Amino acid sequence: MKGRLTKSEIGALVSASHHEPRSLLGYHEFPRNESTPLCMVRVLEPGAESVEVYWEDDAEHRHALGRVHEAGLFEGSIPHRRPLVPYRLRVRYSDGHESSKHDAYFFSHELSDFDLYLFGAGRHYGLYHKFGADLRVRDGVAGTHLALWAPH
């Protein structure tokens, strides 16, 4: 199936050594010859027994993700939806506990290429708006944005 993870990508994700996990986790669309793209969600949730995806306005229609790795890596296709809004994850853990939450990997990162360019040039005079922990609302979802610089 188009968009499936390779063994090396899976290994890098579950060992926490992937250089950019957001490129694989979260929501992704893959073009296909049909009118709508293939929409995939990938979740890394250690200790999870099952993961389902749903939208708050359609909570009775949940889409189960398949387990890709016993370390808690799941993936599956979901229906194409426009406008695309943040979805929720229903996670059931091995101890029986269940949790419902937004997928942090749905949201794009907030440091643009231009931010990185200015930062590298030593001319980004608004870094205090970009780094640290700040309460934010994105796509109607309240949360905390955290960005750190850790060169080594």
C-alpha atoms as a PDB file:
ATOM      1  CA  MET A   1       0.000   0.000   0.000  1.00  0.00           C
ATOM      2  CA  LYS A   2       1.258   3.459  -0.880  1.00  0.00           C
ATOM      3  CA  GLY A   3       2.549   5.398   2.095  1.00  0.00           C
ATOM      4  CA  ARG A   4       3.517   2.380   4.208  1.00  0.00           C
ATOM      5  CA  LEU A   5       6.492   2.761   6.510  1.00  0.00           C
ATOM      6  CA  THR A   6       9.739   0.955   5.775  1.00  0.00           C
ATOM      7  CA  LYS A   7      11.436  -1.266   8.354  1.00  0.00           C
ATOM      8  CA  SER A   8      14.185   1.317   8.845  1.00  0.00           C
ATOM      9  CA  GLU A   9      11.639   4.114   9.412  1.00  0.00           C
ATOM     10  CA  ILE A  10       9.780   1.970  11.945  1.00  0.00           C
ATOM     11  CA  GLY A  11      13.038   1.149  13.723  1.00  0.00           C
ATOM     12  CA  ALA A  12      14.024   4.802  13.886  1.00  0.00           C
ATOM     13  CA  LEU A  13      10.630   5.839  15.252  1.00  0.00           C
ATOM     14  CA  VAL A  14      10.388   3.194  17.976  1.00  0.00           C
ATOM     15  CA  SER A  15      14.016   3.735  19.058  1.00  0.00           C
ATOM     16  CA  ALA A  16      13.472   7.540  19.184  1.00  0.00           C
ATOM     17  CA  SER A  17      16.324   8.093  16.733  1.00  0.00           C
ATOM     18  CA  HIS A  18      14.390   9.447  13.711  1.00  0.00           C
ATOM     19  CA  HIS A  19      15.687  12.900  12.724  1.00  0.00           C
ATOM     20  CA  GLU A  20      12.197  14.262  11.949  1.00  0.00           C
ATOM     21  CA  PRO A  21       9.371  12.119  13.400  1.00  0.00           C
ATOM     22  CA  ARG A  22       6.746  14.626  12.234  1.00  0.00           C
ATOM     23  CA  SER A  23       7.519  13.632   8.647  1.00  0.00           C
ATOM     24  CA  LEU A  24       6.066  10.182   9.431  1.00  0.00           C
ATOM     25  CA  LEU A  25       3.703  10.607  12.384  1.00  0.00           C
ATOM     26  CA  GLY A  26       0.356  12.378  12.352  1.00  0.00           C
ATOM     27  CA  TYR A  27      -1.882  13.023   9.346  1.00  0.00           C
ATOM     28  CA  HIS A  28      -0.576  12.606   5.790  1.00  0.00           C
ATOM     29  CA  GLU A  29      -2.172  12.618   2.331  1.00  0.00           C
ATOM     30  CA  PHE A  30      -0.880  10.576  -0.599  1.00  0.00           C
ATOM     31  CA  PRO A  31      -2.088  11.407  -4.118  1.00  0.00           C
ATOM     32  CA  ARG A  32      -3.723   8.658  -6.137  1.00  0.00           C
ATOM     33  CA  ASN A  33      -5.425   8.431  -9.501  1.00  0.00           C
ATOM     34  CA  GLU A  34      -8.857   8.637  -7.928  1.00  0.00           C
ATOM     35  CA  SER A  35     -10.486  11.971  -7.088  1.00  0.00           C
ATOM     36  CA  THR A  36      -9.419  11.999  -3.431  1.00  0.00           C
ATOM     37  CA  PRO A  37      -6.032  11.302  -1.864  1.00  0.00           C
ATOM     38  CA  LEU A  38      -5.300   8.414   0.469  1.00  0.00           C
ATOM     39  CA  CYS A  39      -5.418   9.867   3.988  1.00  0.00           C
ATOM     40  CA  MET A  40      -3.263   8.151   6.616  1.00  0.00           C
ATOM     41  CA  VAL A  41      -2.778   8.695  10.338  1.00  0.00           C
ATOM     42  CA  ARG A  42       0.226   7.325  12.207  1.00  0.00           C
ATOM     43  CA  VAL A  43       0.527   7.335  15.977  1.00  0.00           C
ATOM     44  CA  LEU A  44       3.321   6.275  18.321  1.00  0.00           C
ATOM     45  CA  GLU A  45       1.713   5.585  21.693  1.00  0.00           C
ATOM     46  CA  PRO A  46       3.837   3.301  23.907  1.00  0.00           C
ATOM     47  CA  GLY A  47       1.729   0.955  26.020  1.00  0.00           C
ATOM     48  CA  ALA A  48      -1.339   1.278  23.810  1.00  0.00           C
ATOM     49  CA  GLU A  49      -3.425  -1.767  22.922  1.00  0.00           C
ATOM     50  CA  SER A  50      -5.558   0.056  20.361  1.00  0.00           C
ATOM     51  CA  VAL A  51      -5.949   3.487  18.780  1.00  0.00           C
ATOM     52  CA  GLU A  52      -8.993   4.911  17.007  1.00  0.00           C
ATOM     53  CA  VAL A  53      -9.356   8.208  15.131  1.00  0.00           C
ATOM     54  CA  TYR A  54     -12.548  10.272  15.126  1.00  0.00           C
ATOM     55  CA  TRP A  55     -13.817  13.816  14.737  1.00  0.00           C
ATOM     56  CA  GLU A  56     -15.662  15.515  17.568  1.00  0.00           C
ATOM     57  CA  ASP A  57     -18.625  16.296  15.325  1.00  0.00           C
ATOM     58  CA  ASP A  58     -18.876  12.623  14.273  1.00  0.00           C
ATOM     59  CA  ALA A  59     -17.731  10.713  17.381  1.00  0.00           C
ATOM     60  CA  GLU A  60     -19.824   7.614  16.647  1.00  0.00           C
ATOM     61  CA  HIS A  61     -17.763   6.902  13.512  1.00  0.00           C
ATOM     62  CA  ARG A  62     -14.351   5.827  14.757  1.00  0.00           C
ATOM     63  CA  HIS A  63     -11.600   4.500  12.501  1.00  0.00           C
ATOM     64  CA  ALA A  64      -9.360   1.847  14.036  1.00  0.00           C
ATOM     65  CA  LEU A  65      -5.653   2.043  13.288  1.00  0.00           C
ATOM     66  CA  GLY A  66      -3.670  -1.143  12.812  1.00  0.00           C
ATOM     67  CA  ARG A  67      -0.679  -2.017  14.964  1.00  0.00           C
ATOM     68  CA  VAL A  68       2.556  -1.718  12.983  1.00  0.00           C
ATOM     69  CA  HIS A  69       4.977  -2.445  15.842  1.00  0.00           C
ATOM     70  CA  GLU A  70       4.559  -3.851  19.342  1.00  0.00           C
ATOM     71  CA  ALA A  71       6.231  -0.729  20.781  1.00  0.00           C
ATOM     72  CA  GLY A  72       2.952   1.128  20.185  1.00  0.00           C
ATOM     73  CA  LEU A  73       3.188   2.252  16.569  1.00  0.00           C
ATOM     74  CA  PHE A  74      -0.174   2.347  14.754  1.00  0.00           C
ATOM     75  CA  GLU A  75      -1.308   3.461  11.304  1.00  0.00           C
ATOM     76  CA  GLY A  76      -4.396   3.363   9.158  1.00  0.00           C
ATOM     77  CA  SER A  77      -6.381   5.164   6.513  1.00  0.00           C
ATOM     78  CA  ILE A  78      -9.235   7.508   7.317  1.00  0.00           C
ATOM     79  CA  PRO A  79     -11.823   9.169   5.052  1.00  0.00           C
ATOM     80  CA  HIS A  80     -10.821  12.283   3.134  1.00  0.00           C
ATOM     81  CA  ARG A  81     -12.401  15.331   4.753  1.00  0.00           C
ATOM     82  CA  ARG A  82     -12.618  19.004   3.837  1.00  0.00           C
ATOM     83  CA  PRO A  83     -12.281  21.266   5.545  1.00  0.00           C
ATOM     84  CA  LEU A  84      -9.746  19.248   7.481  1.00  0.00           C
ATOM     85  CA  VAL A  85     -10.103  19.892  11.194  1.00  0.00           C
ATOM     86  CA  PRO A  86      -8.151  18.472  14.137  1.00  0.00           C
ATOM     87  CA  TYR A  87      -9.160  14.900  14.872  1.00  0.00           C
ATOM     88  CA  ARG A  88      -9.086  13.079  18.191  1.00  0.00           C
ATOM     89  CA  LEU A  89      -7.409   9.834  19.206  1.00  0.00           C
ATOM     90  CA  ARG A  90      -9.146   7.293  21.426  1.00  0.00           C
ATOM     91  CA  VAL A  91      -6.354   5.234  23.009  1.00  0.00           C
ATOM     92  CA  ARG A  92      -6.872   2.080  25.059  1.00  0.00           C
ATOM     93  CA  TYR A  93      -3.867   0.990  27.139  1.00  0.00           C
ATOM     94  CA  SER A  94      -2.871  -2.486  28.290  1.00  0.00           C
ATOM     95  CA  ASP A  95      -3.985  -1.718  31.861  1.00  0.00           C
ATOM     96  CA  GLY A  96      -7.533  -0.995  30.619  1.00  0.00           C
ATOM     97  CA  HIS A  97      -7.247   2.791  30.930  1.00  0.00           C
ATOM     98  CA  GLU A  98      -8.689   4.796  28.023  1.00  0.00           C
ATOM     99  CA  SER A  99      -7.792   8.291  26.947  1.00  0.00           C
ATOM    100  CA  SER A 100      -9.153  10.717  24.363  1.00  0.00           C
ATOM    101  CA  LYS A 101      -6.847  13.451  23.090  1.00  0.00           C
ATOM    102  CA  HIS A 102      -5.827  15.483  20.087  1.00  0.00           C
ATOM    103  CA  ASP A 103      -2.889  14.265  18.030  1.00  0.00           C
ATOM    104  CA  ALA A 104      -0.034  16.738  18.573  1.00  0.00           C
ATOM    105  CA  TYR A 105       1.452  15.696  15.213  1.00  0.00           C
ATOM    106  CA  PHE A 106      -1.630  17.020  13.403  1.00  0.00           C
ATOM    107  CA  PHE A 107      -0.432  20.568  13.964  1.00  0.00           C
ATOM    108  CA  SER A 108       2.376  21.982  11.874  1.00  0.00           C
ATOM    109  CA  HIS A 109       5.534  23.317  13.470  1.00  0.00           C
ATOM    110  CA  GLU A 110       5.683  27.039  14.019  1.00  0.00           C
ATOM    111  CA  LEU A 111       9.282  27.800  13.098  1.00  0.00           C
ATOM    112  CA  SER A 112       9.346  28.743   9.429  1.00  0.00           C
ATOM    113  CA  ASP A 113      12.338  28.438   7.119  1.00  0.00           C
ATOM    114  CA  PHE A 114      12.633  32.228   7.346  1.00  0.00           C
ATOM    115  CA  ASP A 115      12.714  32.033  11.177  1.00  0.00           C
ATOM    116  CA  LEU A 116      15.508  29.480  10.944  1.00  0.00           C
ATOM    117  CA  TYR A 117      17.393  31.614   8.414  1.00  0.00           C
ATOM    118  CA  LEU A 118      17.210  34.723  10.636  1.00  0.00           C
ATOM    119  CA  PHE A 119      18.146  32.687  13.706  1.00  0.00           C
ATOM    120  CA  GLY A 120      21.195  31.217  11.938  1.00  0.00           C
ATOM    121  CA  ALA A 121      22.247  34.672  10.788  1.00  0.00           C
ATOM    122  CA  GLY A 122      21.913  36.036  14.320  1.00  0.00           C
ATOM    123  CA  ARG A 123      19.285  38.558  13.194  1.00  0.00           C
ATOM    124  CA  HIS A 124      16.029  37.145  14.568  1.00  0.00           C
ATOM    125  CA  TYR A 125      14.979  39.840  17.008  1.00  0.00           C
ATOM    126  CA  GLY A 126      11.656  38.231  17.921  1.00  0.00           C
ATOM    127  CA  LEU A 127      12.915  34.849  19.142  1.00  0.00           C
ATOM    128  CA  TYR A 128      11.157  35.326  22.447  1.00  0.00           C
ATOM    129  CA  HIS A 129       7.915  34.835  20.459  1.00  0.00           C
ATOM    130  CA  LYS A 130       9.183  31.525  19.033  1.00  0.00           C
ATOM    131  CA  PHE A 131      11.145  29.753  21.783  1.00  0.00           C
ATOM    132  CA  GLY A 132      10.041  28.669  25.227  1.00  0.00           C
ATOM    133  CA  ALA A 133       6.598  27.540  26.342  1.00  0.00           C
ATOM    134  CA  ASP A 134       3.557  29.562  25.339  1.00  0.00           C
ATOM    135  CA  LEU A 135      -0.153  28.900  25.693  1.00  0.00           C
ATOM    136  CA  ARG A 136      -1.759  28.942  22.244  1.00  0.00           C
ATOM    137  CA  VAL A 137      -4.992  28.136  20.470  1.00  0.00           C
ATOM    138  CA  ARG A 138      -4.546  26.505  17.040  1.00  0.00           C
ATOM    139  CA  ASP A 139      -7.470  25.423  14.906  1.00  0.00           C
ATOM    140  CA  GLY A 140      -9.729  25.882  17.929  1.00  0.00           C
ATOM    141  CA  VAL A 141      -7.605  23.609  20.155  1.00  0.00           C
ATOM    142  CA  ALA A 142      -5.996  25.071  23.275  1.00  0.00           C
ATOM    143  CA  GLY A 143      -2.556  23.781  24.207  1.00  0.00           C
ATOM    144  CA  THR A 144       1.058  24.640  24.929  1.00  0.00           C
ATOM    145  CA  HIS A 145       3.610  25.306  22.205  1.00  0.00           C
ATOM    146  CA  LEU A 146       7.150  24.407  23.270  1.00  0.00           C
ATOM    147  CA  ALA A 147      10.259  25.110  21.228  1.00  0.00           C
ATOM    148  CA  LEU A 148      13.853  24.685  22.403  1.00  0.00           C
ATOM    149  CA  TRP A 149      17.250  25.150  20.848  1.00  0.00           C
ATOM    150  CA  ALA A 150      19.484  22.218  21.709  1.00  0.00           C
ATOM    151  CA  PRO A 151      22.380  22.139  19.262  1.00  0.00           C
ATOM    152  CA  HIS A 152      24.120  19.143  20.816  1.00  0.00           C
END
